[in-house]
Amino acid sequence: MHTFHLEVPLAVRFRDVDSLGHINNAVYFTYCEIARNAYWTKLFGTRRLAQANFIVARAEMDYRSQANEDSSLLIGIRVSSIGHTSFDFRYQIVEDGTRRLIAEGRSVQVTFDYKANKKIPLPDAVRDRILEFEGAENVEMRSAARG
């Protein structure tokens, strides 16, 4: 199992649960968004001042066990691969304390120029900072042809 150098604590909110007290499946994507923002802020500061903006091009989640309104969670996040214009985040959501696995996810981010409305190459400084934080040996480097 890969190490997550960043884990974001999260308390389940009342609005996150369904009528039976279970966390709604769509809410897990919000949890991943919270983790992405924490990751980017840790490495680069506020996203508004970032060297590169990105959009989420794909998101997927595998649900492993239930969590409910009384749960305290940890969301592990790491970059698992980097391409020319994109990078992948992996997520692991566990129950705080027991480390029971709740869900695992993945998202693909594409670096994007909002003014030109097109994808752009991932800046070398951003790639280098991610590799420094994650450890270059822990990140797959994809060919430019795959993005």
N, C-alpha and C. Protein backbone atom coordinates (compact mmCIF):
# COMPACT_ATOMS: atom_id res chain seq x y z
N MET A 1 0.84 -1.18 0.00
CA MET A 1 0.00 0.00 0.00
C MET A 1 0.88 1.25 0.00
N HIS A 2 0.49 2.24 -0.77
CA HIS A 2 1.25 3.47 -0.86
C HIS A 2 1.01 4.35 0.36
N THR A 3 2.01 5.14 0.68
CA THR A 3 1.91 6.07 1.78
C THR A 3 1.26 7.36 1.32
N PHE A 4 0.41 7.90 2.15
CA PHE A 4 -0.19 9.20 1.90
C PHE A 4 0.53 10.20 2.80
N HIS A 5 1.25 11.14 2.17
CA HIS A 5 2.01 12.13 2.92
C HIS A 5 1.11 13.23 3.48
N LEU A 6 -0.13 13.24 3.04
CA LEU A 6 -1.10 14.20 3.57
C LEU A 6 -2.40 13.48 3.87
N GLU A 7 -2.86 13.63 5.09
CA GLU A 7 -4.18 13.14 5.50
C GLU A 7 -4.95 14.32 6.08
N VAL A 8 -6.16 14.49 5.57
CA VAL A 8 -6.99 15.62 5.96
C VAL A 8 -8.10 15.11 6.87
N PRO A 9 -8.18 15.60 8.12
CA PRO A 9 -9.26 15.17 9.01
C PRO A 9 -10.58 15.82 8.61
N LEU A 10 -11.66 15.08 8.78
CA LEU A 10 -12.96 15.59 8.39
C LEU A 10 -14.03 15.05 9.32
N ALA A 11 -14.81 15.94 9.88
CA ALA A 11 -15.97 15.54 10.69
C ALA A 11 -17.18 15.51 9.76
N VAL A 12 -17.96 14.46 9.84
CA VAL A 12 -19.16 14.33 9.01
C VAL A 12 -20.17 15.37 9.48
N ARG A 13 -20.74 16.08 8.52
CA ARG A 13 -21.74 17.11 8.81
C ARG A 13 -23.14 16.52 8.67
N PHE A 14 -24.11 17.14 9.33
CA PHE A 14 -25.49 16.70 9.26
C PHE A 14 -25.97 16.62 7.81
N ARG A 15 -25.60 17.59 6.99
CA ARG A 15 -26.06 17.65 5.60
C ARG A 15 -25.45 16.54 4.73
N ASP A 16 -24.43 15.85 5.23
CA ASP A 16 -23.75 14.81 4.45
C ASP A 16 -24.49 13.47 4.46
N VAL A 17 -25.46 13.31 5.34
CA VAL A 17 -26.07 12.00 5.54
C VAL A 17 -27.49 11.92 4.97
N ASP A 18 -27.88 10.68 4.67
CA ASP A 18 -29.23 10.44 4.18
C ASP A 18 -30.17 10.20 5.36
N SER A 19 -31.41 9.83 5.08
CA SER A 19 -32.41 9.67 6.13
C SER A 19 -32.10 8.52 7.08
N LEU A 20 -31.21 7.61 6.68
CA LEU A 20 -30.82 6.50 7.55
C LEU A 20 -29.53 6.78 8.32
N GLY A 21 -28.97 7.99 8.14
CA GLY A 21 -27.76 8.36 8.86
C GLY A 21 -26.47 7.94 8.19
N HIS A 22 -26.54 7.44 6.96
CA HIS A 22 -25.34 7.05 6.22
C HIS A 22 -24.88 8.20 5.35
N ILE A 23 -23.58 8.31 5.14
CA ILE A 23 -23.07 9.35 4.26
C ILE A 23 -23.52 9.06 2.83
N ASN A 24 -24.10 10.06 2.19
CA ASN A 24 -24.57 9.93 0.81
C ASN A 24 -23.38 9.71 -0.12
N ASN A 25 -23.54 8.84 -1.10
CA ASN A 25 -22.43 8.48 -1.99
C ASN A 25 -21.82 9.68 -2.71
N ALA A 26 -22.63 10.66 -3.09
CA ALA A 26 -22.11 11.82 -3.83
C ALA A 26 -21.23 12.71 -2.95
N VAL A 27 -21.43 12.67 -1.65
CA VAL A 27 -20.69 13.53 -0.73
C VAL A 27 -19.20 13.17 -0.71
N TYR A 28 -18.87 11.92 -0.99
CA TYR A 28 -17.47 11.51 -0.98
C TYR A 28 -16.65 12.31 -1.99
N PHE A 29 -17.27 12.74 -3.08
CA PHE A 29 -16.56 13.56 -4.06
C PHE A 29 -16.26 14.96 -3.49
N THR A 30 -17.15 15.46 -2.64
CA THR A 30 -16.89 16.72 -1.95
C THR A 30 -15.73 16.54 -0.98
N TYR A 31 -15.68 15.41 -0.29
CA TYR A 31 -14.55 15.14 0.60
C TYR A 31 -13.23 15.14 -0.17
N CYS A 32 -13.24 14.57 -1.37
CA CYS A 32 -12.03 14.57 -2.20
C CYS A 32 -11.66 15.99 -2.62
N GLU A 33 -12.66 16.81 -2.90
CA GLU A 33 -12.40 18.20 -3.25
C GLU A 33 -11.74 18.94 -2.09
N ILE A 34 -12.21 18.68 -0.89
CA ILE A 34 -11.61 19.29 0.30
C ILE A 34 -10.14 18.86 0.41
N ALA A 35 -9.88 17.58 0.17
CA ALA A 35 -8.51 17.07 0.24
C ALA A 35 -7.64 17.69 -0.87
N ARG A 36 -8.19 17.82 -2.09
CA ARG A 36 -7.43 18.46 -3.19
C ARG A 36 -7.03 19.88 -2.82
N ASN A 37 -7.97 20.62 -2.28
CA ASN A 37 -7.66 22.00 -1.89
C ASN A 37 -6.60 22.05 -0.80
N ALA A 38 -6.67 21.14 0.16
CA ALA A 38 -5.67 21.09 1.23
C ALA A 38 -4.29 20.73 0.65
N TYR A 39 -4.26 19.80 -0.28
CA TYR A 39 -3.00 19.38 -0.92
C TYR A 39 -2.37 20.56 -1.65
N TRP A 40 -3.18 21.19 -2.51
CA TRP A 40 -2.66 22.29 -3.33
C TRP A 40 -2.19 23.45 -2.46
N THR A 41 -2.95 23.74 -1.40
CA THR A 41 -2.56 24.81 -0.49
C THR A 41 -1.27 24.48 0.22
N LYS A 42 -1.12 23.23 0.65
CA LYS A 42 0.12 22.82 1.34
C LYS A 42 1.34 22.98 0.43
N LEU A 43 1.20 22.61 -0.83
CA LEU A 43 2.35 22.66 -1.73
C LEU A 43 2.56 24.02 -2.37
N PHE A 44 1.48 24.76 -2.66
CA PHE A 44 1.62 25.97 -3.47
C PHE A 44 0.96 27.21 -2.89
N GLY A 45 0.30 27.12 -1.77
CA GLY A 45 -0.45 28.27 -1.26
C GLY A 45 -1.82 28.31 -1.91
N THR A 46 -2.49 29.41 -1.78
CA THR A 46 -3.85 29.53 -2.30
C THR A 46 -3.89 29.26 -3.81
N ARG A 47 -4.96 28.62 -4.25
CA ARG A 47 -5.09 28.26 -5.66
C ARG A 47 -5.23 29.48 -6.56
N ARG A 48 -5.73 30.56 -6.03
CA ARG A 48 -5.89 31.77 -6.85
C ARG A 48 -4.55 32.34 -7.27
N LEU A 49 -3.50 32.03 -6.51
CA LEU A 49 -2.16 32.52 -6.83
C LEU A 49 -1.28 31.43 -7.41
N ALA A 50 -1.86 30.31 -7.74
CA ALA A 50 -1.10 29.15 -8.19
C ALA A 50 -0.43 29.38 -9.53
N GLN A 51 0.65 28.64 -9.75
CA GLN A 51 1.36 28.70 -11.01
C GLN A 51 0.59 28.00 -12.12
N ALA A 52 -0.32 27.14 -11.74
CA ALA A 52 -1.10 26.40 -12.73
C ALA A 52 -2.48 26.11 -12.16
N ASN A 53 -3.49 26.35 -12.95
CA ASN A 53 -4.84 25.97 -12.57
C ASN A 53 -5.17 24.63 -13.21
N PHE A 54 -6.09 23.93 -12.62
CA PHE A 54 -6.48 22.65 -13.20
C PHE A 54 -7.98 22.49 -13.11
N ILE A 55 -8.48 21.60 -13.95
CA ILE A 55 -9.88 21.18 -13.90
C ILE A 55 -9.91 19.67 -13.68
N VAL A 56 -10.96 19.19 -13.07
CA VAL A 56 -11.12 17.75 -12.88
C VAL A 56 -11.75 17.20 -14.16
N ALA A 57 -11.04 16.29 -14.80
CA ALA A 57 -11.52 15.69 -16.05
C ALA A 57 -12.21 14.34 -15.81
N ARG A 58 -11.90 13.70 -14.69
CA ARG A 58 -12.49 12.39 -14.39
C ARG A 58 -12.44 12.19 -12.88
N ALA A 59 -13.48 11.56 -12.35
CA ALA A 59 -13.50 11.22 -10.92
C ALA A 59 -14.22 9.89 -10.76
N GLU A 60 -13.65 9.03 -9.92
CA GLU A 60 -14.26 7.73 -9.66
C GLU A 60 -14.07 7.36 -8.20
N MET A 61 -15.00 6.55 -7.69
CA MET A 61 -14.97 6.18 -6.28
C MET A 61 -15.39 4.72 -6.13
N ASP A 62 -14.66 3.99 -5.30
CA ASP A 62 -15.02 2.63 -4.92
C ASP A 62 -15.37 2.67 -3.44
N TYR A 63 -16.59 2.27 -3.12
CA TYR A 63 -17.09 2.28 -1.75
C TYR A 63 -16.80 0.93 -1.11
N ARG A 64 -16.12 0.94 0.03
CA ARG A 64 -15.68 -0.29 0.67
C ARG A 64 -16.49 -0.66 1.91
N SER A 65 -16.92 0.35 2.69
CA SER A 65 -17.75 0.09 3.87
C SER A 65 -18.51 1.37 4.21
N GLN A 66 -19.54 1.22 5.04
CA GLN A 66 -20.39 2.35 5.35
C GLN A 66 -19.77 3.25 6.42
N ALA A 67 -20.11 4.51 6.32
CA ALA A 67 -19.79 5.47 7.37
C ALA A 67 -21.08 6.22 7.67
N ASN A 68 -21.17 6.75 8.88
CA ASN A 68 -22.42 7.40 9.27
C ASN A 68 -22.16 8.75 9.92
N GLU A 69 -23.22 9.34 10.42
CA GLU A 69 -23.15 10.69 10.96
C GLU A 69 -22.25 10.81 12.18
N ASP A 70 -21.93 9.73 12.83
CA ASP A 70 -21.06 9.76 14.01
C ASP A 70 -19.59 9.55 13.65
N SER A 71 -19.29 9.37 12.38
CA SER A 71 -17.93 9.06 11.95
C SER A 71 -17.04 10.30 11.91
N SER A 72 -15.79 10.09 12.27
CA SER A 72 -14.73 11.06 12.01
C SER A 72 -13.82 10.41 11.00
N LEU A 73 -13.51 11.12 9.95
CA LEU A 73 -12.80 10.52 8.83
C LEU A 73 -11.44 11.18 8.61
N LEU A 74 -10.57 10.43 7.94
CA LEU A 74 -9.31 10.96 7.43
C LEU A 74 -9.30 10.70 5.93
N ILE A 75 -8.96 11.71 5.15
CA ILE A 75 -8.87 11.55 3.71
C ILE A 75 -7.41 11.65 3.33
N GLY A 76 -6.83 10.50 2.93
CA GLY A 76 -5.47 10.49 2.43
C GLY A 76 -5.48 10.88 0.97
N ILE A 77 -4.50 11.68 0.56
CA ILE A 77 -4.42 12.12 -0.83
C ILE A 77 -2.96 12.09 -1.27
N ARG A 78 -2.76 11.65 -2.51
CA ARG A 78 -1.42 11.67 -3.09
C ARG A 78 -1.52 11.77 -4.60
N VAL A 79 -0.48 12.26 -5.23
CA VAL A 79 -0.38 12.23 -6.69
C VAL A 79 0.26 10.90 -7.04
N SER A 80 -0.42 10.13 -7.89
CA SER A 80 0.09 8.80 -8.26
C SER A 80 0.78 8.78 -9.62
N SER A 81 0.40 9.71 -10.50
CA SER A 81 1.05 9.76 -11.82
C SER A 81 0.95 11.17 -12.39
N ILE A 82 1.91 11.47 -13.25
CA ILE A 82 1.99 12.78 -13.88
C ILE A 82 2.24 12.58 -15.37
N GLY A 83 1.51 13.34 -16.17
CA GLY A 83 1.72 13.36 -17.61
C GLY A 83 2.13 14.75 -18.06
N HIS A 84 2.04 15.00 -19.34
CA HIS A 84 2.44 16.29 -19.91
C HIS A 84 1.46 17.40 -19.52
N THR A 85 0.16 17.10 -19.53
CA THR A 85 -0.85 18.12 -19.22
C THR A 85 -1.78 17.69 -18.09
N SER A 86 -1.51 16.57 -17.46
CA SER A 86 -2.43 16.07 -16.43
C SER A 86 -1.69 15.34 -15.33
N PHE A 87 -2.41 15.13 -14.24
CA PHE A 87 -1.88 14.33 -13.13
C PHE A 87 -3.06 13.68 -12.41
N ASP A 88 -2.78 12.57 -11.76
CA ASP A 88 -3.80 11.80 -11.06
C ASP A 88 -3.64 11.94 -9.55
N PHE A 89 -4.75 12.18 -8.88
CA PHE A 89 -4.80 12.09 -7.43
C PHE A 89 -5.42 10.75 -7.07
N ARG A 90 -4.91 10.12 -6.02
CA ARG A 90 -5.52 8.94 -5.41
C ARG A 90 -5.97 9.35 -4.01
N TYR A 91 -7.09 8.78 -3.60
CA TYR A 91 -7.66 9.10 -2.30
C TYR A 91 -7.93 7.81 -1.54
N GLN A 92 -7.79 7.89 -0.25
CA GLN A 92 -8.19 6.80 0.63
C GLN A 92 -8.91 7.43 1.81
N ILE A 93 -10.17 7.07 1.99
CA ILE A 93 -10.97 7.60 3.08
C ILE A 93 -11.11 6.50 4.13
N VAL A 94 -10.64 6.80 5.33
CA VAL A 94 -10.67 5.83 6.43
C VAL A 94 -11.33 6.46 7.65
N GLU A 95 -11.82 5.60 8.51
CA GLU A 95 -12.36 6.05 9.78
C GLU A 95 -11.19 6.40 10.69
N ASP A 96 -11.24 7.59 11.27
CA ASP A 96 -10.20 8.02 12.19
C ASP A 96 -10.20 7.08 13.40
N GLY A 97 -9.03 6.74 13.84
CA GLY A 97 -8.92 5.84 15.00
C GLY A 97 -8.78 4.40 14.58
N THR A 98 -9.82 3.82 13.99
CA THR A 98 -9.79 2.40 13.63
C THR A 98 -9.05 2.16 12.32
N ARG A 99 -8.96 3.18 11.46
CA ARG A 99 -8.36 3.10 10.13
C ARG A 99 -9.16 2.17 9.20
N ARG A 100 -10.41 1.91 9.56
CA ARG A 100 -11.28 1.10 8.70
C ARG A 100 -11.45 1.80 7.36
N LEU A 101 -11.25 1.06 6.28
CA LEU A 101 -11.35 1.63 4.95
C LEU A 101 -12.81 1.87 4.58
N ILE A 102 -13.13 3.09 4.23
CA ILE A 102 -14.48 3.48 3.85
C ILE A 102 -14.61 3.55 2.32
N ALA A 103 -13.66 4.22 1.67
CA ALA A 103 -13.72 4.38 0.21
C ALA A 103 -12.34 4.69 -0.34
N GLU A 104 -12.19 4.37 -1.63
CA GLU A 104 -10.97 4.70 -2.36
C GLU A 104 -11.37 5.38 -3.66
N GLY A 105 -10.62 6.38 -4.05
CA GLY A 105 -10.99 7.11 -5.26
C GLY A 105 -9.80 7.55 -6.06
N ARG A 106 -10.12 8.09 -7.22
CA ARG A 106 -9.11 8.59 -8.15
C ARG A 106 -9.74 9.74 -8.92
N SER A 107 -8.93 10.75 -9.20
CA SER A 107 -9.37 11.81 -10.10
C SER A 107 -8.22 12.20 -11.00
N VAL A 108 -8.57 12.61 -12.21
CA VAL A 108 -7.60 13.08 -13.19
C VAL A 108 -7.80 14.58 -13.33
N GLN A 109 -6.73 15.32 -13.13
CA GLN A 109 -6.75 16.77 -13.26
C GLN A 109 -5.97 17.16 -14.52
N VAL A 110 -6.49 18.12 -15.24
CA VAL A 110 -5.84 18.63 -16.45
C VAL A 110 -5.48 20.09 -16.19
N THR A 111 -4.21 20.44 -16.42
CA THR A 111 -3.82 21.84 -16.27
C THR A 111 -4.48 22.63 -17.39
N PHE A 112 -5.01 23.80 -17.03
CA PHE A 112 -5.93 24.47 -17.92
C PHE A 112 -5.74 25.98 -17.88
N ASP A 113 -5.78 26.58 -19.06
CA ASP A 113 -5.76 28.03 -19.21
C ASP A 113 -7.20 28.48 -19.41
N TYR A 114 -7.76 29.12 -18.38
CA TYR A 114 -9.16 29.52 -18.43
C TYR A 114 -9.42 30.64 -19.43
N LYS A 115 -8.44 31.51 -19.65
CA LYS A 115 -8.62 32.60 -20.62
C LYS A 115 -8.66 32.06 -22.04
N ALA A 116 -7.74 31.15 -22.35
CA ALA A 116 -7.69 30.56 -23.70
C ALA A 116 -8.65 29.39 -23.85
N ASN A 117 -9.19 28.91 -22.72
CA ASN A 117 -10.12 27.78 -22.72
C ASN A 117 -9.52 26.53 -23.34
N LYS A 118 -8.28 26.21 -22.90
CA LYS A 118 -7.62 25.01 -23.42
C LYS A 118 -6.63 24.47 -22.40
N LYS A 119 -6.31 23.17 -22.56
CA LYS A 119 -5.34 22.56 -21.66
C LYS A 119 -3.96 23.08 -22.00
N ILE A 120 -3.09 23.07 -20.99
CA ILE A 120 -1.72 23.55 -21.14
C ILE A 120 -0.77 22.57 -20.48
N PRO A 121 0.51 22.62 -20.83
CA PRO A 121 1.47 21.75 -20.17
C PRO A 121 1.58 22.06 -18.68
N LEU A 122 1.79 21.03 -17.89
CA LEU A 122 2.03 21.19 -16.47
C LEU A 122 3.38 21.89 -16.31
N PRO A 123 3.41 23.04 -15.64
CA PRO A 123 4.69 23.75 -15.47
C PRO A 123 5.73 22.88 -14.75
N ASP A 124 6.97 22.99 -15.18
CA ASP A 124 8.05 22.21 -14.57
C ASP A 124 8.15 22.46 -13.06
N ALA A 125 7.95 23.70 -12.62
CA ALA A 125 8.05 24.02 -11.19
C ALA A 125 6.97 23.28 -10.39
N VAL A 126 5.79 23.13 -10.96
CA VAL A 126 4.71 22.41 -10.29
C VAL A 126 5.05 20.92 -10.24
N ARG A 127 5.47 20.37 -11.38
CA ARG A 127 5.86 18.96 -11.44
C ARG A 127 6.97 18.68 -10.42
N ASP A 128 7.98 19.54 -10.38
CA ASP A 128 9.11 19.34 -9.49
C ASP A 128 8.68 19.38 -8.02
N ARG A 129 7.80 20.28 -7.67
CA ARG A 129 7.35 20.39 -6.28
C ARG A 129 6.54 19.16 -5.87
N ILE A 130 5.70 18.67 -6.76
CA ILE A 130 4.93 17.45 -6.48
C ILE A 130 5.88 16.27 -6.28
N LEU A 131 6.86 16.13 -7.17
CA LEU A 131 7.81 15.01 -7.07
C LEU A 131 8.64 15.11 -5.81
N GLU A 132 8.99 16.31 -5.41
CA GLU A 132 9.74 16.51 -4.17
C GLU A 132 8.89 16.08 -2.96
N PHE A 133 7.62 16.48 -2.95
CA PHE A 133 6.74 16.16 -1.83
C PHE A 133 6.43 14.66 -1.77
N GLU A 134 6.10 14.07 -2.91
CA GLU A 134 5.69 12.66 -2.96
C GLU A 134 6.86 11.70 -2.94
N GLY A 135 8.02 12.16 -3.42
CA GLY A 135 9.15 11.27 -3.67
C GLY A 135 9.03 10.77 -5.09
N ALA A 136 9.97 11.13 -5.93
CA ALA A 136 9.89 10.82 -7.36
C ALA A 136 9.67 9.33 -7.62
N GLU A 137 10.21 8.48 -6.75
CA GLU A 137 10.06 7.04 -6.94
C GLU A 137 8.63 6.56 -6.72
N ASN A 138 7.79 7.39 -6.13
CA ASN A 138 6.41 7.01 -5.83
C ASN A 138 5.40 7.50 -6.86
N VAL A 139 5.88 8.19 -7.90
CA VAL A 139 5.00 8.78 -8.89
C VAL A 139 5.34 8.23 -10.27
N GLU A 140 4.33 7.69 -10.94
CA GLU A 140 4.51 7.21 -12.32
C GLU A 140 4.59 8.40 -13.26
N MET A 141 5.58 8.41 -14.11
CA MET A 141 5.71 9.46 -15.12
C MET A 141 5.17 8.91 -16.42
N ARG A 142 4.03 9.47 -16.88
CA ARG A 142 3.41 9.02 -18.12
C ARG A 142 4.05 9.72 -19.30
N SER A 143 3.98 9.08 -20.46
CA SER A 143 4.52 9.69 -21.67
C SER A 143 3.67 10.88 -22.09
N ALA A 144 4.24 11.78 -22.86
CA ALA A 144 3.54 12.98 -23.33
C ALA A 144 2.34 12.60 -24.19
N ALA A 145 2.40 11.48 -24.87
CA ALA A 145 1.30 11.07 -25.76
C ALA A 145 0.02 10.78 -24.97
N ARG A 146 0.16 10.32 -23.71
CA ARG A 146 -1.01 9.99 -22.90
C ARG A 146 -1.50 11.18 -22.08
N GLY A 147 -0.77 12.29 -22.07
CA GLY A 147 -1.22 13.46 -21.33
C GLY A 147 -0.66 13.51 -19.99
